[in-house]
Every structure is written in C-alpha cells, then in structure tokens.
Amino acid sequence: MLDRYIKTAKQCKADAIVRITGDCPLVDPFLVDECIHRFKETKVDYHSNIRPPTFSDGLDIEVIKYSVLKKAAQETTRISHRKHVTPYLCESDNFIKSNYSYTEDLSALSWTVDEPEDFEIISKVFEHFQLNIYS
C-alpha cells in the first residue's frame, strides 16, 4: 500500500497526500479542509485527526508530505509498515507530527462501513440525502 501511495503521488506530481480510507464514506469535507489548512500552517511532515482519536471513527484524515512517504519507504524494513502506509511515520521520532483534536472525545462513535449492517445504515443515509436534494 505504501508503494502505491508513493507511485500515485509521483505520477500526479503531488507534494502532499490526503489519506481518507474507503470505509469512511461520511467524511466531513470541512474537516478535510481544516486538516489540510493546519498541515500547511504548521509546516509538519504529518498531520492527522486520529493520533489520538477524538472525532467519530469514520472521520479519519491524514495529510502527509510526499517526501516523507518516500523517506519512510526507504527507512522501514517491516512488512506491516509497507502494508498500512502511516504506522512507521507515527511510530518514528524522525518526523514532525501534529494532530487536530475535537473538544470532546467522540471516538467511541462509528461512522465507518466495516460490516454489512454498517453498509445498510450508510445506504439509508445516502438515500435520505438524495431524496431531500431532488425533492
């Protein structure tokens, strides 16, 4: 996975990557913008809202410098670090990191699609949203 991110960023000539996983279809675009803003403002290598988590699970956002991803790939030897993209960055002291925390801990709430039941709930949310837009 780490190598795919690096190849894609290189192909797109990206200097930073915003990572939002596919099991988070309800991610808040305003929260994404805020994380990007804080990443740029603080000039860190890695910025997230998950270390520690305070937002609902499913609103997970990571912003990473492309050069830092390349460095992580060169430095790590663990397969798990290559498979999951950012653990090496988060575990290492070689990178400047920051986190955006919410005013209260809502991390026990889940907005992800991990199980068939989750998919059913999220589908109903999208159906409701679509009906309200086109009504």
N, C-alpha and C. Protein backbone atom coordinates (compact mmCIF):
# COMPACT_ATOMS: atom_id res chain seq x y z
N MET A 1 0.83 -1.19 0.00
CA MET A 1 0.00 0.00 0.00
C MET A 1 0.88 1.26 0.00
N LEU A 2 1.92 1.29 0.83
CA LEU A 2 2.81 2.46 0.89
C LEU A 2 3.39 2.75 -0.49
N ASP A 3 3.84 1.70 -1.18
CA ASP A 3 4.41 1.90 -2.51
C ASP A 3 3.39 2.45 -3.50
N ARG A 4 2.13 2.02 -3.38
CA ARG A 4 1.08 2.55 -4.27
C ARG A 4 0.86 4.04 -4.04
N TYR A 5 0.88 4.46 -2.79
CA TYR A 5 0.72 5.89 -2.48
C TYR A 5 1.87 6.68 -3.08
N ILE A 6 3.08 6.17 -2.95
CA ILE A 6 4.25 6.87 -3.47
C ILE A 6 4.20 6.96 -4.99
N LYS A 7 3.88 5.85 -5.64
CA LYS A 7 3.80 5.85 -7.11
C LYS A 7 2.72 6.81 -7.61
N THR A 8 1.58 6.80 -6.96
CA THR A 8 0.48 7.68 -7.37
C THR A 8 0.84 9.15 -7.15
N ALA A 9 1.44 9.45 -6.01
CA ALA A 9 1.84 10.84 -5.73
C ALA A 9 2.88 11.30 -6.74
N LYS A 10 3.81 10.43 -7.07
CA LYS A 10 4.85 10.78 -8.04
C LYS A 10 4.22 11.04 -9.41
N GLN A 11 3.33 10.16 -9.83
CA GLN A 11 2.67 10.31 -11.12
C GLN A 11 1.86 11.60 -11.19
N CYS A 12 1.24 11.98 -10.09
CA CYS A 12 0.42 13.21 -10.04
C CYS A 12 1.23 14.45 -9.70
N LYS A 13 2.53 14.26 -9.44
CA LYS A 13 3.41 15.36 -9.04
C LYS A 13 2.90 16.06 -7.78
N ALA A 14 2.39 15.27 -6.86
CA ALA A 14 1.86 15.80 -5.60
C ALA A 14 2.99 16.05 -4.62
N ASP A 15 2.88 17.12 -3.86
CA ASP A 15 3.86 17.36 -2.80
C ASP A 15 3.32 16.91 -1.44
N ALA A 16 2.01 16.62 -1.41
CA ALA A 16 1.39 16.11 -0.19
C ALA A 16 0.23 15.20 -0.58
N ILE A 17 -0.12 14.33 0.34
CA ILE A 17 -1.19 13.36 0.13
C ILE A 17 -2.20 13.49 1.25
N VAL A 18 -3.48 13.51 0.90
CA VAL A 18 -4.54 13.47 1.90
C VAL A 18 -5.06 12.04 1.87
N ARG A 19 -4.98 11.38 3.01
CA ARG A 19 -5.40 9.98 3.09
C ARG A 19 -6.73 9.86 3.82
N ILE A 20 -7.72 9.36 3.10
CA ILE A 20 -9.04 9.06 3.65
C ILE A 20 -9.35 7.65 3.16
N THR A 21 -9.65 6.75 4.05
CA THR A 21 -9.85 5.36 3.66
C THR A 21 -11.24 5.12 3.11
N GLY A 22 -11.37 4.09 2.32
CA GLY A 22 -12.61 3.77 1.63
C GLY A 22 -13.75 3.37 2.54
N ASP A 23 -13.45 3.01 3.78
CA ASP A 23 -14.53 2.63 4.69
C ASP A 23 -15.09 3.83 5.45
N CYS A 24 -14.75 5.04 4.99
CA CYS A 24 -15.21 6.27 5.64
C CYS A 24 -15.99 7.15 4.65
N PRO A 25 -17.18 6.69 4.20
CA PRO A 25 -17.91 7.45 3.18
C PRO A 25 -18.58 8.72 3.70
N LEU A 26 -18.62 8.92 5.00
CA LEU A 26 -19.27 10.11 5.55
C LEU A 26 -18.27 11.16 6.04
N VAL A 27 -17.06 11.08 5.54
CA VAL A 27 -16.06 12.05 5.98
C VAL A 27 -16.54 13.46 5.68
N ASP A 28 -16.27 14.36 6.58
CA ASP A 28 -16.73 15.74 6.50
C ASP A 28 -15.75 16.57 5.66
N PRO A 29 -16.20 17.12 4.52
CA PRO A 29 -15.29 17.90 3.67
C PRO A 29 -14.73 19.14 4.37
N PHE A 30 -15.49 19.73 5.29
CA PHE A 30 -14.98 20.88 6.02
C PHE A 30 -13.86 20.47 6.97
N LEU A 31 -13.97 19.27 7.54
CA LEU A 31 -12.92 18.74 8.40
C LEU A 31 -11.67 18.42 7.59
N VAL A 32 -11.85 17.91 6.39
CA VAL A 32 -10.72 17.66 5.49
C VAL A 32 -10.00 18.98 5.21
N ASP A 33 -10.75 20.01 4.85
CA ASP A 33 -10.16 21.32 4.58
C ASP A 33 -9.41 21.85 5.80
N GLU A 34 -9.98 21.68 6.97
CA GLU A 34 -9.34 22.15 8.20
C GLU A 34 -8.02 21.41 8.45
N CYS A 35 -8.01 20.11 8.22
CA CYS A 35 -6.77 19.35 8.41
C CYS A 35 -5.70 19.77 7.41
N ILE A 36 -6.09 20.01 6.17
CA ILE A 36 -5.13 20.49 5.17
C ILE A 36 -4.60 21.86 5.58
N HIS A 37 -5.49 22.74 6.01
CA HIS A 37 -5.09 24.07 6.45
C HIS A 37 -4.08 23.98 7.60
N ARG A 38 -4.37 23.15 8.59
CA ARG A 38 -3.47 23.01 9.74
C ARG A 38 -2.14 22.39 9.33
N PHE A 39 -2.16 21.45 8.40
CA PHE A 39 -0.94 20.84 7.87
C PHE A 39 -0.04 21.91 7.25
N LYS A 40 -0.65 22.75 6.42
CA LYS A 40 0.13 23.80 5.76
C LYS A 40 0.60 24.86 6.75
N GLU A 41 -0.27 25.23 7.64
CA GLU A 41 0.03 26.28 8.62
C GLU A 41 1.17 25.88 9.56
N THR A 42 1.16 24.65 10.01
CA THR A 42 2.17 24.20 10.98
C THR A 42 3.44 23.68 10.33
N LYS A 43 3.40 23.47 9.00
CA LYS A 43 4.58 23.01 8.25
C LYS A 43 5.16 21.71 8.81
N VAL A 44 4.29 20.78 9.15
CA VAL A 44 4.71 19.49 9.68
C VAL A 44 4.88 18.48 8.54
N ASP A 45 5.44 17.33 8.89
CA ASP A 45 5.58 16.24 7.92
C ASP A 45 4.29 15.43 7.80
N TYR A 46 3.58 15.35 8.93
CA TYR A 46 2.39 14.51 9.02
C TYR A 46 1.39 15.20 9.95
N HIS A 47 0.16 15.29 9.47
CA HIS A 47 -0.91 15.85 10.31
C HIS A 47 -2.11 14.93 10.22
N SER A 48 -2.78 14.73 11.35
CA SER A 48 -3.98 13.89 11.34
C SER A 48 -4.97 14.37 12.38
N ASN A 49 -6.10 13.69 12.40
CA ASN A 49 -7.07 13.90 13.48
C ASN A 49 -7.33 12.57 14.20
N ILE A 50 -6.34 11.68 14.13
CA ILE A 50 -6.52 10.34 14.70
C ILE A 50 -5.47 9.94 15.74
N ARG A 51 -4.55 10.79 16.06
CA ARG A 51 -3.46 10.43 16.97
C ARG A 51 -3.29 11.47 18.06
N PRO A 52 -4.09 11.46 19.09
CA PRO A 52 -5.11 10.48 19.45
C PRO A 52 -6.44 10.78 18.79
N PRO A 53 -7.27 9.76 18.65
CA PRO A 53 -8.59 9.98 18.04
C PRO A 53 -9.54 10.67 19.01
N THR A 54 -10.24 11.68 18.52
CA THR A 54 -11.29 12.35 19.30
C THR A 54 -12.55 12.53 18.47
N PHE A 55 -12.41 12.51 17.15
CA PHE A 55 -13.57 12.57 16.27
C PHE A 55 -14.18 11.17 16.14
N SER A 56 -15.42 11.09 15.70
CA SER A 56 -16.05 9.79 15.46
C SER A 56 -15.21 8.97 14.49
N ASP A 57 -15.11 7.67 14.74
CA ASP A 57 -14.42 6.79 13.82
C ASP A 57 -15.15 6.87 12.48
N GLY A 58 -14.41 7.12 11.43
CA GLY A 58 -15.02 7.32 10.12
C GLY A 58 -14.79 8.73 9.61
N LEU A 59 -14.28 9.59 10.48
CA LEU A 59 -13.90 10.95 10.09
C LEU A 59 -12.37 11.07 10.08
N ASP A 60 -11.70 9.95 9.86
CA ASP A 60 -10.24 9.88 9.92
C ASP A 60 -9.59 10.54 8.71
N ILE A 61 -8.64 11.44 8.99
CA ILE A 61 -7.95 12.17 7.93
C ILE A 61 -6.46 12.22 8.28
N GLU A 62 -5.63 11.95 7.28
CA GLU A 62 -4.19 12.09 7.43
C GLU A 62 -3.67 12.90 6.25
N VAL A 63 -2.75 13.81 6.52
CA VAL A 63 -2.11 14.60 5.47
C VAL A 63 -0.60 14.40 5.63
N ILE A 64 0.05 13.98 4.55
CA ILE A 64 1.45 13.58 4.62
C ILE A 64 2.24 14.19 3.48
N LYS A 65 3.43 14.68 3.78
CA LYS A 65 4.33 15.16 2.73
C LYS A 65 4.78 13.96 1.88
N TYR A 66 4.81 14.16 0.58
CA TYR A 66 5.28 13.12 -0.34
C TYR A 66 6.71 12.71 -0.01
N SER A 67 7.57 13.68 0.25
CA SER A 67 8.97 13.37 0.55
C SER A 67 9.11 12.51 1.80
N VAL A 68 8.21 12.70 2.73
CA VAL A 68 8.23 11.92 3.97
C VAL A 68 7.79 10.48 3.71
N LEU A 69 6.80 10.30 2.85
CA LEU A 69 6.41 8.93 2.48
C LEU A 69 7.56 8.20 1.82
N LYS A 70 8.27 8.89 0.94
CA LYS A 70 9.43 8.26 0.28
C LYS A 70 10.49 7.88 1.32
N LYS A 71 10.74 8.79 2.24
CA LYS A 71 11.74 8.52 3.29
C LYS A 71 11.31 7.33 4.15
N ALA A 72 10.05 7.27 4.49
CA ALA A 72 9.53 6.15 5.29
C ALA A 72 9.74 4.83 4.56
N ALA A 73 9.47 4.82 3.27
CA ALA A 73 9.64 3.60 2.48
C ALA A 73 11.10 3.17 2.42
N GLN A 74 12.01 4.14 2.40
CA GLN A 74 13.44 3.82 2.39
C GLN A 74 13.93 3.31 3.74
N GLU A 75 13.35 3.84 4.81
CA GLU A 75 13.84 3.51 6.15
C GLU A 75 13.26 2.24 6.75
N THR A 76 11.99 1.97 6.49
CA THR A 76 11.35 0.84 7.16
C THR A 76 11.70 -0.50 6.51
N THR A 77 11.79 -1.50 7.34
CA THR A 77 12.02 -2.86 6.84
C THR A 77 10.85 -3.78 7.18
N ARG A 78 9.90 -3.28 7.96
CA ARG A 78 8.77 -4.10 8.38
C ARG A 78 7.68 -4.14 7.32
N ILE A 79 7.19 -5.33 7.04
CA ILE A 79 6.13 -5.51 6.06
C ILE A 79 4.87 -4.76 6.49
N SER A 80 4.56 -4.78 7.77
CA SER A 80 3.35 -4.11 8.25
C SER A 80 3.40 -2.61 8.00
N HIS A 81 4.59 -2.02 8.03
CA HIS A 81 4.73 -0.59 7.75
C HIS A 81 4.46 -0.28 6.28
N ARG A 82 4.77 -1.21 5.42
CA ARG A 82 4.52 -1.02 3.98
C ARG A 82 3.06 -1.28 3.64
N LYS A 83 2.45 -2.16 4.39
CA LYS A 83 1.05 -2.52 4.12
C LYS A 83 0.07 -1.45 4.57
N HIS A 84 0.37 -0.76 5.67
CA HIS A 84 -0.60 0.15 6.27
C HIS A 84 -0.27 1.64 6.12
N VAL A 85 0.69 1.99 5.34
CA VAL A 85 1.04 3.35 4.91
C VAL A 85 1.65 4.24 6.00
N THR A 86 0.94 4.55 7.08
CA THR A 86 1.45 5.57 8.00
C THR A 86 1.96 5.10 9.36
N PRO A 87 1.86 3.83 9.76
CA PRO A 87 2.35 3.46 11.09
C PRO A 87 3.82 3.80 11.33
N TYR A 88 4.67 3.61 10.33
CA TYR A 88 6.08 3.93 10.53
C TYR A 88 6.27 5.42 10.84
N LEU A 89 5.56 6.26 10.11
CA LEU A 89 5.65 7.71 10.34
C LEU A 89 5.23 8.04 11.78
N CYS A 90 4.16 7.41 12.21
CA CYS A 90 3.61 7.71 13.53
C CYS A 90 4.46 7.16 14.67
N GLU A 91 5.11 6.03 14.43
CA GLU A 91 5.94 5.40 15.47
C GLU A 91 7.34 6.01 15.54
N SER A 92 7.79 6.58 14.45
CA SER A 92 9.15 7.11 14.38
C SER A 92 9.25 8.51 15.00
N ASP A 93 10.40 8.79 15.57
CA ASP A 93 10.68 10.13 16.09
C ASP A 93 11.38 11.01 15.04
N ASN A 94 11.52 10.50 13.82
CA ASN A 94 12.24 11.20 12.77
C ASN A 94 11.39 12.21 12.00
N PHE A 95 10.11 12.35 12.38
CA PHE A 95 9.21 13.20 11.62
C PHE A 95 8.49 14.17 12.54
N ILE A 96 8.17 15.33 12.00
CA ILE A 96 7.41 16.34 12.75
C ILE A 96 5.92 16.07 12.52
N LYS A 97 5.18 15.87 13.62
CA LYS A 97 3.78 15.47 13.53
C LYS A 97 2.91 16.42 14.34
N SER A 98 1.66 16.52 13.91
CA SER A 98 0.67 17.28 14.68
C SER A 98 -0.67 16.59 14.55
N ASN A 99 -1.56 16.92 15.46
CA ASN A 99 -2.89 16.32 15.48
C ASN A 99 -3.93 17.40 15.76
N TYR A 100 -5.07 17.24 15.13
CA TYR A 100 -6.21 18.11 15.36
C TYR A 100 -7.20 17.33 16.22
N SER A 101 -7.46 17.82 17.41
CA SER A 101 -8.36 17.14 18.34
C SER A 101 -9.66 17.91 18.47
N TYR A 102 -10.73 17.16 18.67
CA TYR A 102 -12.03 17.76 18.92
C TYR A 102 -12.12 18.17 20.39
N THR A 103 -13.08 19.00 20.72
CA THR A 103 -13.22 19.49 22.10
C THR A 103 -13.68 18.42 23.07
N GLU A 104 -14.29 17.36 22.55
CA GLU A 104 -14.66 16.23 23.40
C GLU A 104 -14.32 14.94 22.66
N ASP A 105 -14.23 13.84 23.40
CA ASP A 105 -13.86 12.57 22.80
C ASP A 105 -15.10 11.84 22.29
N LEU A 106 -15.24 11.81 20.97
CA LEU A 106 -16.35 11.11 20.32
C LEU A 106 -15.87 9.85 19.60
N SER A 107 -14.66 9.42 19.91
CA SER A 107 -14.04 8.31 19.17
C SER A 107 -14.75 6.98 19.35
N ALA A 108 -15.60 6.85 20.35
CA ALA A 108 -16.35 5.60 20.53
C ALA A 108 -17.48 5.46 19.52
N LEU A 109 -17.86 6.56 18.88
CA LEU A 109 -18.90 6.52 17.86
C LEU A 109 -18.29 6.07 16.53
N SER A 110 -19.04 5.36 15.74
CA SER A 110 -18.51 4.85 14.47
C SER A 110 -19.41 5.23 13.31
N TRP A 111 -18.78 5.81 12.28
CA TRP A 111 -19.46 6.16 11.03
C TRP A 111 -18.83 5.39 9.88
N THR A 112 -18.20 4.28 10.17
CA THR A 112 -17.49 3.52 9.14
C THR A 112 -18.37 2.43 8.55
N VAL A 113 -17.89 1.89 7.44
CA VAL A 113 -18.55 0.73 6.83
C VAL A 113 -17.59 -0.45 6.97
N ASP A 114 -17.77 -1.20 8.04
CA ASP A 114 -16.93 -2.37 8.30
C ASP A 114 -17.71 -3.67 8.20
N GLU A 115 -19.00 -3.60 8.39
CA GLU A 115 -19.86 -4.79 8.41
C GLU A 115 -21.06 -4.55 7.49
N PRO A 116 -21.73 -5.63 7.04
CA PRO A 116 -22.92 -5.46 6.20
C PRO A 116 -23.97 -4.54 6.83
N GLU A 117 -24.11 -4.60 8.15
CA GLU A 117 -25.09 -3.75 8.84
C GLU A 117 -24.72 -2.28 8.69
N ASP A 118 -23.42 -1.99 8.74
CA ASP A 118 -22.95 -0.61 8.55
C ASP A 118 -23.32 -0.12 7.16
N PHE A 119 -23.15 -0.98 6.18
CA PHE A 119 -23.47 -0.61 4.80
C PHE A 119 -24.95 -0.27 4.66
N GLU A 120 -25.79 -1.06 5.31
CA GLU A 120 -27.24 -0.80 5.25
C GLU A 120 -27.58 0.57 5.84
N ILE A 121 -26.98 0.90 6.96
CA ILE A 121 -27.24 2.19 7.61
C ILE A 121 -26.75 3.34 6.73
N ILE A 122 -25.53 3.22 6.24
CA ILE A 122 -24.96 4.29 5.40
C ILE A 122 -25.77 4.43 4.12
N SER A 123 -26.23 3.33 3.55
CA SER A 123 -27.05 3.40 2.34
C SER A 123 -28.32 4.19 2.60
N LYS A 124 -28.93 4.00 3.76
CA LYS A 124 -30.14 4.74 4.11
C LYS A 124 -29.84 6.23 4.28
N VAL A 125 -28.69 6.55 4.82
CA VAL A 125 -28.29 7.96 4.95
C VAL A 125 -28.19 8.59 3.57
N PHE A 126 -27.53 7.90 2.64
CA PHE A 126 -27.38 8.45 1.30
C PHE A 126 -28.72 8.52 0.57
N GLU A 127 -29.58 7.53 0.76
CA GLU A 127 -30.91 7.56 0.14
C GLU A 127 -31.69 8.77 0.66
N HIS A 128 -31.66 8.99 1.95
CA HIS A 128 -32.37 10.12 2.55
C HIS A 128 -31.82 11.45 2.00
N PHE A 129 -30.51 11.55 1.95
CA PHE A 129 -29.86 12.76 1.45
C PHE A 129 -30.25 13.01 0.00
N GLN A 130 -30.21 11.97 -0.80
CA GLN A 130 -30.53 12.10 -2.23
C GLN A 130 -31.99 12.49 -2.41
N LEU A 131 -32.89 11.89 -1.64
CA LEU A 131 -34.31 12.24 -1.74
C LEU A 131 -34.54 13.71 -1.38
N ASN A 132 -33.85 14.19 -0.37
CA ASN A 132 -34.03 15.57 0.06
C ASN A 132 -33.45 16.57 -0.95
N ILE A 133 -32.42 16.21 -1.62
CA ILE A 133 -31.81 17.11 -2.61
C ILE A 133 -32.71 17.24 -3.84
N TYR A 134 -33.27 16.13 -4.28
CA TYR A 134 -34.03 16.14 -5.53
C TYR A 134 -35.53 16.35 -5.32
N SER A 135 -35.95 16.62 -4.10
CA SER A 135 -37.38 16.86 -3.83
C SER A 135 -37.74 18.32 -4.02
